[in-house]
N, C-alpha and C. Protein backbone atom coordinates (compact mmCIF):
# COMPACT_ATOMS: atom_id res chain seq x y z
N MET A 1 -55.53 -1.85 -19.09
CA MET A 1 -54.29 -2.57 -19.26
C MET A 1 -53.83 -2.52 -20.71
N LEU A 2 -54.71 -2.83 -21.65
CA LEU A 2 -54.34 -2.84 -23.06
C LEU A 2 -53.85 -1.45 -23.48
N SER A 3 -54.58 -0.43 -23.07
CA SER A 3 -54.21 0.93 -23.47
C SER A 3 -52.83 1.30 -22.94
N GLU A 4 -52.57 0.99 -21.67
CA GLU A 4 -51.27 1.31 -21.07
C GLU A 4 -50.16 0.49 -21.71
N ASN A 5 -50.45 -0.77 -22.01
CA ASN A 5 -49.43 -1.65 -22.61
C ASN A 5 -49.05 -1.18 -24.01
N ILE A 6 -50.05 -0.80 -24.81
CA ILE A 6 -49.75 -0.30 -26.16
C ILE A 6 -48.85 0.93 -26.08
N LYS A 7 -49.20 1.84 -25.19
CA LYS A 7 -48.44 3.10 -25.06
C LYS A 7 -47.01 2.82 -24.57
N THR A 8 -46.88 1.98 -23.55
CA THR A 8 -45.55 1.69 -22.97
C THR A 8 -44.65 0.98 -23.97
N ILE A 9 -45.20 -0.02 -24.65
CA ILE A 9 -44.40 -0.78 -25.62
C ILE A 9 -44.04 0.10 -26.82
N ARG A 10 -44.99 0.91 -27.28
CA ARG A 10 -44.72 1.82 -28.40
C ARG A 10 -43.56 2.76 -28.06
N LYS A 11 -43.61 3.33 -26.88
CA LYS A 11 -42.54 4.24 -26.46
C LYS A 11 -41.22 3.52 -26.29
N SER A 12 -41.25 2.29 -25.74
CA SER A 12 -40.01 1.54 -25.56
C SER A 12 -39.37 1.18 -26.90
N LYS A 13 -40.19 1.06 -27.95
CA LYS A 13 -39.67 0.77 -29.30
C LYS A 13 -39.25 2.05 -30.01
N GLY A 14 -39.51 3.21 -29.39
CA GLY A 14 -39.09 4.49 -29.97
C GLY A 14 -40.01 4.96 -31.09
N LEU A 15 -41.24 4.53 -31.06
CA LEU A 15 -42.19 4.94 -32.09
C LEU A 15 -43.11 6.03 -31.56
N SER A 16 -43.43 6.98 -32.43
CA SER A 16 -44.43 7.98 -32.08
C SER A 16 -45.80 7.42 -32.45
N GLN A 17 -46.87 8.09 -32.01
CA GLN A 17 -48.22 7.66 -32.38
C GLN A 17 -48.39 7.73 -33.89
N GLN A 18 -47.82 8.76 -34.50
CA GLN A 18 -47.94 8.94 -35.95
C GLN A 18 -47.24 7.79 -36.69
N GLU A 19 -46.04 7.41 -36.25
CA GLU A 19 -45.30 6.33 -36.90
C GLU A 19 -46.04 5.00 -36.79
N LEU A 20 -46.59 4.73 -35.60
CA LEU A 20 -47.36 3.49 -35.43
C LEU A 20 -48.62 3.51 -36.29
N ALA A 21 -49.25 4.66 -36.36
CA ALA A 21 -50.47 4.79 -37.18
C ALA A 21 -50.17 4.52 -38.64
N ILE A 22 -49.05 5.03 -39.14
CA ILE A 22 -48.68 4.80 -40.54
C ILE A 22 -48.44 3.32 -40.79
N LYS A 23 -47.75 2.66 -39.87
CA LYS A 23 -47.47 1.23 -40.03
C LYS A 23 -48.75 0.38 -39.99
N LEU A 24 -49.75 0.86 -39.25
CA LEU A 24 -51.01 0.11 -39.13
C LEU A 24 -52.07 0.57 -40.14
N ASN A 25 -51.76 1.60 -40.93
CA ASN A 25 -52.70 2.17 -41.90
C ASN A 25 -53.96 2.70 -41.23
N VAL A 26 -53.75 3.41 -40.13
CA VAL A 26 -54.86 4.08 -39.43
C VAL A 26 -54.43 5.53 -39.19
N VAL A 27 -55.33 6.35 -38.70
CA VAL A 27 -54.98 7.73 -38.39
C VAL A 27 -54.41 7.81 -36.97
N ARG A 28 -53.65 8.85 -36.71
CA ARG A 28 -53.01 9.01 -35.41
C ARG A 28 -54.04 9.07 -34.27
N GLN A 29 -55.19 9.66 -34.53
CA GLN A 29 -56.23 9.78 -33.51
C GLN A 29 -56.72 8.41 -33.04
N THR A 30 -56.66 7.41 -33.92
CA THR A 30 -57.07 6.06 -33.54
C THR A 30 -56.12 5.51 -32.49
N ILE A 31 -54.80 5.71 -32.72
CA ILE A 31 -53.79 5.26 -31.75
C ILE A 31 -54.01 5.99 -30.43
N SER A 32 -54.27 7.29 -30.50
CA SER A 32 -54.50 8.08 -29.30
C SER A 32 -55.70 7.55 -28.51
N LYS A 33 -56.78 7.21 -29.21
CA LYS A 33 -57.98 6.68 -28.53
C LYS A 33 -57.68 5.34 -27.88
N TRP A 34 -56.90 4.48 -28.56
CA TRP A 34 -56.53 3.19 -27.97
C TRP A 34 -55.74 3.40 -26.69
N GLU A 35 -54.77 4.33 -26.75
CA GLU A 35 -53.90 4.56 -25.60
C GLU A 35 -54.63 5.24 -24.44
N GLN A 36 -55.68 5.99 -24.75
CA GLN A 36 -56.46 6.64 -23.68
C GLN A 36 -57.56 5.72 -23.15
N GLY A 37 -57.74 4.58 -23.81
CA GLY A 37 -58.77 3.63 -23.37
C GLY A 37 -60.16 4.01 -23.83
N LEU A 38 -60.28 4.93 -24.82
CA LEU A 38 -61.58 5.36 -25.32
C LEU A 38 -62.15 4.38 -26.33
N SER A 39 -61.25 3.60 -26.97
CA SER A 39 -61.71 2.56 -27.88
C SER A 39 -60.71 1.40 -27.82
N VAL A 40 -61.08 0.27 -28.44
CA VAL A 40 -60.26 -0.93 -28.38
C VAL A 40 -60.09 -1.45 -29.81
N PRO A 41 -58.87 -1.86 -30.18
CA PRO A 41 -58.69 -2.41 -31.53
C PRO A 41 -59.35 -3.77 -31.64
N ASP A 42 -59.81 -4.09 -32.87
CA ASP A 42 -60.41 -5.41 -33.08
C ASP A 42 -59.31 -6.47 -33.11
N SER A 43 -59.68 -7.74 -33.21
CA SER A 43 -58.71 -8.84 -33.09
C SER A 43 -57.68 -8.82 -34.21
N ASP A 44 -58.10 -8.52 -35.44
CA ASP A 44 -57.13 -8.45 -36.54
C ASP A 44 -56.12 -7.33 -36.31
N MET A 45 -56.63 -6.18 -35.86
CA MET A 45 -55.75 -5.04 -35.60
C MET A 45 -54.82 -5.34 -34.42
N LEU A 46 -55.31 -6.06 -33.44
CA LEU A 46 -54.49 -6.45 -32.29
C LEU A 46 -53.32 -7.32 -32.73
N ILE A 47 -53.56 -8.22 -33.68
CA ILE A 47 -52.49 -9.06 -34.21
C ILE A 47 -51.47 -8.20 -34.97
N SER A 48 -51.96 -7.24 -35.75
CA SER A 48 -51.06 -6.35 -36.48
C SER A 48 -50.22 -5.51 -35.52
N ILE A 49 -50.84 -5.03 -34.46
CA ILE A 49 -50.11 -4.24 -33.46
C ILE A 49 -49.00 -5.10 -32.83
N SER A 50 -49.34 -6.33 -32.48
CA SER A 50 -48.35 -7.20 -31.84
C SER A 50 -47.19 -7.50 -32.78
N GLU A 51 -47.47 -7.64 -34.09
CA GLU A 51 -46.39 -7.89 -35.04
C GLU A 51 -45.49 -6.67 -35.20
N ILE A 52 -46.10 -5.50 -35.32
CA ILE A 52 -45.30 -4.27 -35.49
C ILE A 52 -44.49 -3.97 -34.24
N LEU A 53 -45.09 -4.17 -33.07
CA LEU A 53 -44.37 -3.89 -31.81
C LEU A 53 -43.51 -5.07 -31.37
N GLU A 54 -43.56 -6.16 -32.15
CA GLU A 54 -42.76 -7.36 -31.86
C GLU A 54 -43.02 -7.85 -30.43
N THR A 55 -44.32 -7.91 -30.10
CA THR A 55 -44.74 -8.31 -28.76
C THR A 55 -45.91 -9.28 -28.89
N PRO A 56 -45.93 -10.35 -28.11
CA PRO A 56 -47.06 -11.27 -28.20
C PRO A 56 -48.38 -10.59 -27.81
N VAL A 57 -49.47 -11.05 -28.43
CA VAL A 57 -50.80 -10.51 -28.12
C VAL A 57 -51.10 -10.69 -26.64
N SER A 58 -50.67 -11.82 -26.09
CA SER A 58 -50.93 -12.08 -24.67
C SER A 58 -50.28 -11.00 -23.79
N THR A 59 -49.13 -10.50 -24.20
CA THR A 59 -48.48 -9.44 -23.43
C THR A 59 -49.28 -8.15 -23.55
N LEU A 60 -49.78 -7.87 -24.76
CA LEU A 60 -50.58 -6.66 -24.93
C LEU A 60 -51.85 -6.71 -24.09
N LEU A 61 -52.45 -7.90 -23.99
CA LEU A 61 -53.70 -8.04 -23.24
C LEU A 61 -53.46 -8.32 -21.75
N GLY A 62 -52.23 -8.70 -21.41
CA GLY A 62 -51.92 -9.12 -20.04
C GLY A 62 -51.78 -7.98 -19.06
N GLU A 63 -50.96 -8.25 -18.08
CA GLU A 63 -50.78 -7.29 -16.99
C GLU A 63 -50.18 -5.98 -17.48
N THR A 64 -50.31 -5.00 -16.65
CA THR A 64 -49.74 -3.69 -16.96
C THR A 64 -48.22 -3.81 -17.00
N ILE A 65 -47.64 -3.25 -18.04
CA ILE A 65 -46.19 -3.29 -18.20
C ILE A 65 -45.61 -2.07 -17.50
N VAL A 66 -44.66 -2.33 -16.63
CA VAL A 66 -44.03 -1.24 -15.88
C VAL A 66 -42.99 -0.59 -16.76
N ASP A 67 -43.03 0.70 -16.79
CA ASP A 67 -42.03 1.45 -17.56
C ASP A 67 -40.67 1.21 -16.93
N SER A 68 -39.74 0.75 -17.72
CA SER A 68 -38.44 0.34 -17.18
C SER A 68 -37.44 1.48 -17.09
N GLU A 69 -37.89 2.72 -17.23
CA GLU A 69 -36.97 3.85 -17.20
C GLU A 69 -36.26 3.95 -15.85
N ALA A 70 -37.00 3.76 -14.76
CA ALA A 70 -36.38 3.82 -13.43
C ALA A 70 -35.37 2.71 -13.25
N ASP A 71 -35.71 1.51 -13.75
CA ASP A 71 -34.77 0.38 -13.66
C ASP A 71 -33.53 0.65 -14.50
N ASP A 72 -33.73 1.24 -15.68
CA ASP A 72 -32.61 1.58 -16.55
C ASP A 72 -31.66 2.56 -15.86
N LEU A 73 -32.23 3.56 -15.19
CA LEU A 73 -31.39 4.54 -14.49
C LEU A 73 -30.62 3.88 -13.36
N LYS A 74 -31.26 2.94 -12.67
CA LYS A 74 -30.59 2.23 -11.59
C LYS A 74 -29.43 1.40 -12.12
N VAL A 75 -29.66 0.70 -13.23
CA VAL A 75 -28.61 -0.11 -13.84
C VAL A 75 -27.46 0.77 -14.31
N ILE A 76 -27.79 1.89 -14.94
CA ILE A 76 -26.75 2.81 -15.40
C ILE A 76 -25.96 3.36 -14.23
N SER A 77 -26.63 3.74 -13.16
CA SER A 77 -25.91 4.29 -12.01
C SER A 77 -25.02 3.23 -11.36
N GLU A 78 -25.47 1.98 -11.34
CA GLU A 78 -24.63 0.91 -10.79
C GLU A 78 -23.40 0.69 -11.66
N LYS A 79 -23.59 0.71 -12.98
CA LYS A 79 -22.45 0.56 -13.89
C LYS A 79 -21.47 1.71 -13.73
N LEU A 80 -21.99 2.93 -13.60
CA LEU A 80 -21.12 4.09 -13.41
C LEU A 80 -20.35 3.99 -12.09
N GLU A 81 -21.01 3.48 -11.07
CA GLU A 81 -20.33 3.30 -9.78
C GLU A 81 -19.18 2.30 -9.91
N ILE A 82 -19.42 1.21 -10.63
CA ILE A 82 -18.37 0.20 -10.85
C ILE A 82 -17.22 0.81 -11.63
N ILE A 83 -17.55 1.57 -12.67
CA ILE A 83 -16.51 2.22 -13.48
C ILE A 83 -15.71 3.20 -12.64
N ASN A 84 -16.39 3.97 -11.80
CA ASN A 84 -15.68 4.92 -10.93
C ASN A 84 -14.75 4.20 -9.97
N LEU A 85 -15.19 3.08 -9.41
CA LEU A 85 -14.33 2.31 -8.52
C LEU A 85 -13.11 1.77 -9.26
N GLN A 86 -13.32 1.28 -10.48
CA GLN A 86 -12.21 0.77 -11.27
C GLN A 86 -11.22 1.89 -11.60
N LEU A 87 -11.74 3.05 -11.95
CA LEU A 87 -10.85 4.19 -12.25
C LEU A 87 -10.08 4.63 -11.02
N ALA A 88 -10.72 4.61 -9.85
CA ALA A 88 -10.04 4.98 -8.61
C ALA A 88 -8.94 3.97 -8.29
N GLN A 89 -9.22 2.68 -8.49
CA GLN A 89 -8.21 1.66 -8.24
C GLN A 89 -7.04 1.82 -9.20
N ARG A 90 -7.34 2.09 -10.47
CA ARG A 90 -6.29 2.27 -11.47
C ARG A 90 -5.43 3.50 -11.13
N LYS A 91 -6.09 4.57 -10.70
CA LYS A 91 -5.36 5.79 -10.32
C LYS A 91 -4.47 5.51 -9.12
N ASN A 92 -4.98 4.77 -8.15
CA ASN A 92 -4.21 4.43 -6.96
C ASN A 92 -3.00 3.56 -7.32
N MET A 93 -3.21 2.58 -8.21
CA MET A 93 -2.10 1.72 -8.62
C MET A 93 -1.05 2.52 -9.38
N ARG A 94 -1.49 3.43 -10.23
CA ARG A 94 -0.56 4.27 -10.99
C ARG A 94 0.25 5.17 -10.04
N ARG A 95 -0.43 5.71 -9.03
CA ARG A 95 0.24 6.57 -8.06
C ARG A 95 1.31 5.78 -7.30
N LYS A 96 0.97 4.56 -6.88
CA LYS A 96 1.94 3.72 -6.18
C LYS A 96 3.10 3.34 -7.08
N MET A 97 2.80 3.08 -8.36
CA MET A 97 3.85 2.72 -9.30
C MET A 97 4.83 3.89 -9.48
N PHE A 98 4.29 5.10 -9.63
CA PHE A 98 5.16 6.27 -9.78
C PHE A 98 5.99 6.49 -8.51
N GLN A 99 5.40 6.29 -7.35
CA GLN A 99 6.15 6.45 -6.11
C GLN A 99 7.30 5.46 -6.06
N ARG A 100 7.04 4.22 -6.41
CA ARG A 100 8.11 3.20 -6.41
C ARG A 100 9.19 3.51 -7.43
N LEU A 101 8.79 4.01 -8.60
CA LEU A 101 9.78 4.38 -9.62
C LEU A 101 10.67 5.53 -9.14
N PHE A 102 10.07 6.51 -8.48
CA PHE A 102 10.87 7.63 -7.96
C PHE A 102 11.84 7.15 -6.89
N ILE A 103 11.37 6.28 -6.02
CA ILE A 103 12.25 5.73 -4.97
C ILE A 103 13.37 4.91 -5.61
N LEU A 104 13.05 4.11 -6.60
CA LEU A 104 14.06 3.32 -7.31
C LEU A 104 15.08 4.24 -7.99
N LEU A 105 14.61 5.32 -8.60
CA LEU A 105 15.51 6.28 -9.24
C LEU A 105 16.45 6.90 -8.21
N CYS A 106 15.93 7.24 -7.05
CA CYS A 106 16.78 7.78 -5.97
C CYS A 106 17.85 6.76 -5.58
N ALA A 107 17.45 5.52 -5.41
CA ALA A 107 18.40 4.48 -5.01
C ALA A 107 19.47 4.28 -6.08
N VAL A 108 19.08 4.26 -7.35
CA VAL A 108 20.05 4.09 -8.43
C VAL A 108 21.04 5.25 -8.45
N ILE A 109 20.56 6.45 -8.29
CA ILE A 109 21.46 7.62 -8.29
C ILE A 109 22.45 7.53 -7.13
N VAL A 110 21.98 7.17 -5.95
CA VAL A 110 22.88 7.05 -4.79
C VAL A 110 23.91 5.95 -5.02
N ILE A 111 23.48 4.83 -5.58
CA ILE A 111 24.42 3.71 -5.83
C ILE A 111 25.47 4.11 -6.86
N VAL A 112 25.05 4.77 -7.94
CA VAL A 112 26.01 5.19 -8.96
C VAL A 112 26.98 6.22 -8.38
N PHE A 113 26.49 7.13 -7.55
CA PHE A 113 27.38 8.09 -6.88
C PHE A 113 28.42 7.34 -6.05
N ALA A 114 27.97 6.33 -5.30
CA ALA A 114 28.90 5.57 -4.45
C ALA A 114 29.93 4.83 -5.30
N VAL A 115 29.48 4.24 -6.40
CA VAL A 115 30.40 3.51 -7.28
C VAL A 115 31.41 4.47 -7.90
N LEU A 116 30.94 5.60 -8.39
CA LEU A 116 31.86 6.58 -9.00
C LEU A 116 32.83 7.14 -7.95
N GLY A 117 32.34 7.36 -6.75
CA GLY A 117 33.24 7.84 -5.68
C GLY A 117 34.27 6.80 -5.30
N GLY A 118 33.86 5.52 -5.27
CA GLY A 118 34.78 4.44 -4.91
C GLY A 118 35.82 4.18 -5.99
N LEU A 119 35.44 4.37 -7.24
CA LEU A 119 36.38 4.14 -8.34
C LEU A 119 37.42 5.26 -8.46
N ASN A 120 37.03 6.45 -8.02
CA ASN A 120 37.94 7.60 -8.01
C ASN A 120 38.54 7.85 -9.39
N SER A 121 37.71 7.84 -10.42
CA SER A 121 38.09 8.15 -11.81
C SER A 121 39.31 7.36 -12.27
N PRO A 122 39.24 6.03 -12.39
CA PRO A 122 40.39 5.22 -12.77
C PRO A 122 40.85 5.47 -14.20
N TYR A 123 39.97 6.00 -15.03
CA TYR A 123 40.33 6.22 -16.43
C TYR A 123 41.41 7.29 -16.59
N LEU A 124 41.66 8.09 -15.56
CA LEU A 124 42.69 9.13 -15.65
C LEU A 124 44.09 8.54 -15.76
N GLY A 125 44.30 7.35 -15.27
CA GLY A 125 45.60 6.70 -15.34
C GLY A 125 45.75 5.76 -16.53
N TRP A 126 44.78 5.70 -17.40
CA TRP A 126 44.86 4.80 -18.55
C TRP A 126 45.81 5.33 -19.62
N ASN A 127 46.32 4.41 -20.44
CA ASN A 127 47.18 4.76 -21.56
C ASN A 127 46.29 5.09 -22.75
N TYR A 128 46.26 6.34 -23.16
CA TYR A 128 45.36 6.78 -24.22
C TYR A 128 46.00 6.65 -25.62
N ASN A 129 47.17 6.00 -25.71
CA ASN A 129 47.78 5.75 -27.02
C ASN A 129 47.01 4.66 -27.77
N ASP A 130 46.35 3.76 -27.03
CA ASP A 130 45.53 2.71 -27.64
C ASP A 130 44.17 3.32 -27.99
N PRO A 131 43.72 3.27 -29.25
CA PRO A 131 42.46 3.91 -29.65
C PRO A 131 41.24 3.37 -28.89
N GLU A 132 41.17 2.07 -28.64
CA GLU A 132 40.02 1.51 -27.92
C GLU A 132 39.97 2.05 -26.50
N THR A 133 41.10 2.11 -25.86
CA THR A 133 41.17 2.64 -24.49
C THR A 133 40.81 4.12 -24.48
N ALA A 134 41.26 4.85 -25.48
CA ALA A 134 40.97 6.29 -25.56
C ALA A 134 39.48 6.53 -25.71
N VAL A 135 38.80 5.78 -26.58
CA VAL A 135 37.36 5.95 -26.79
C VAL A 135 36.60 5.58 -25.51
N LEU A 136 37.01 4.48 -24.89
CA LEU A 136 36.34 4.05 -23.66
C LEU A 136 36.56 5.06 -22.54
N GLY A 137 37.79 5.59 -22.43
CA GLY A 137 38.09 6.58 -21.39
C GLY A 137 37.30 7.86 -21.58
N VAL A 138 37.20 8.32 -22.84
CA VAL A 138 36.44 9.54 -23.12
C VAL A 138 34.95 9.31 -22.82
N ALA A 139 34.40 8.15 -23.20
CA ALA A 139 33.00 7.85 -22.93
C ALA A 139 32.73 7.79 -21.42
N PHE A 140 33.65 7.16 -20.68
CA PHE A 140 33.48 7.06 -19.24
C PHE A 140 33.57 8.44 -18.60
N HIS A 141 34.52 9.26 -19.07
CA HIS A 141 34.67 10.61 -18.54
C HIS A 141 33.42 11.45 -18.84
N ALA A 142 32.89 11.32 -20.06
CA ALA A 142 31.68 12.08 -20.43
C ALA A 142 30.50 11.66 -19.57
N PHE A 143 30.35 10.36 -19.35
CA PHE A 143 29.26 9.87 -18.49
C PHE A 143 29.41 10.43 -17.09
N GLU A 144 30.62 10.34 -16.52
CA GLU A 144 30.85 10.82 -15.17
C GLU A 144 30.61 12.32 -15.08
N TRP A 145 31.08 13.06 -16.07
CA TRP A 145 30.91 14.52 -16.05
C TRP A 145 29.43 14.89 -16.09
N LEU A 146 28.65 14.27 -17.00
CA LEU A 146 27.22 14.55 -17.09
C LEU A 146 26.47 14.08 -15.84
N PHE A 147 26.83 12.91 -15.35
CA PHE A 147 26.14 12.36 -14.19
C PHE A 147 26.33 13.25 -12.97
N ILE A 148 27.56 13.69 -12.73
CA ILE A 148 27.85 14.51 -11.55
C ILE A 148 27.08 15.82 -11.61
N ARG A 149 26.87 16.36 -12.80
CA ARG A 149 26.17 17.64 -12.93
C ARG A 149 24.64 17.48 -12.92
N LEU A 150 24.14 16.41 -13.51
CA LEU A 150 22.69 16.24 -13.63
C LEU A 150 22.06 15.43 -12.50
N ALA A 151 22.80 14.52 -11.91
CA ALA A 151 22.23 13.62 -10.90
C ALA A 151 21.66 14.36 -9.69
N PRO A 152 22.32 15.40 -9.16
CA PRO A 152 21.70 16.08 -8.01
C PRO A 152 20.33 16.68 -8.34
N ILE A 153 20.20 17.22 -9.53
CA ILE A 153 18.91 17.80 -9.93
C ILE A 153 17.87 16.70 -10.07
N VAL A 154 18.24 15.60 -10.70
CA VAL A 154 17.32 14.48 -10.87
C VAL A 154 16.97 13.86 -9.52
N LEU A 155 17.97 13.76 -8.62
CA LEU A 155 17.72 13.21 -7.29
C LEU A 155 16.71 14.06 -6.52
N ILE A 156 16.89 15.37 -6.55
CA ILE A 156 15.94 16.27 -5.86
C ILE A 156 14.55 16.12 -6.47
N GLY A 157 14.48 16.06 -7.80
CA GLY A 157 13.19 15.88 -8.46
C GLY A 157 12.54 14.55 -8.10
N ALA A 158 13.34 13.49 -8.01
CA ALA A 158 12.81 12.18 -7.67
C ALA A 158 12.31 12.14 -6.22
N ILE A 159 13.02 12.81 -5.33
CA ILE A 159 12.58 12.86 -3.92
C ILE A 159 11.26 13.61 -3.83
N ILE A 160 11.18 14.76 -4.48
CA ILE A 160 9.94 15.54 -4.48
C ILE A 160 8.81 14.73 -5.12
N GLY A 161 9.12 14.07 -6.24
CA GLY A 161 8.11 13.25 -6.93
C GLY A 161 7.60 12.11 -6.07
N SER A 162 8.50 11.48 -5.31
CA SER A 162 8.05 10.37 -4.46
C SER A 162 7.14 10.87 -3.33
N PHE A 163 7.43 12.07 -2.81
CA PHE A 163 6.55 12.61 -1.77
C PHE A 163 5.21 13.05 -2.36
N LEU A 164 5.23 13.64 -3.55
CA LEU A 164 3.97 14.06 -4.17
C LEU A 164 3.13 12.85 -4.58
N ALA A 165 3.79 11.79 -5.04
CA ALA A 165 3.06 10.58 -5.42
C ALA A 165 2.50 9.87 -4.20
N ARG A 166 3.13 10.07 -3.06
CA ARG A 166 2.68 9.43 -1.83
C ARG A 166 1.40 10.05 -1.33
N LYS A 167 1.24 11.36 -1.55
CA LYS A 167 0.05 12.07 -1.09
C LYS A 167 -1.17 11.55 -1.81
N LYS A 168 -2.26 11.44 -1.08
CA LYS A 168 -3.54 11.09 -1.70
C LYS A 168 -4.23 12.38 -2.05
N VAL A 169 -4.43 12.58 -3.34
CA VAL A 169 -5.04 13.84 -3.80
C VAL A 169 -6.53 13.68 -3.90
């Protein structure tokens, strides 16, 4: 038990046999003999070992310490699973958000088309001798001209985007 505990705790602290030997002022072969169970440290050395390994003497002398590497892998895999689930949920929410935005864009384009069609370009009958009316009429005409040319392309793109966002990839 003592030999296995020294080895397990030393490794868990990231120390090599040589590093532990230097800290204890012994040769590496002494550490190797302790870990193989060929010899046992005396009580003073046992106290020094417990101080360097930051472990109570009772733990060194007690039950066999189970190497926690398997437990660490299990904990890491569980954390990775949680992270993967969170990423999948975030991706799903983002996909739904994009689908809703594309549908909203389609609706806005259709509504603006209907409003522009219903207004039937009222700015054409305005008196352009007034500078404010002229600037407003030109701005409205420019908006209508750009919208009529670009909206069909954007509408087709939004429809395609909403169908692609709907698909589960």
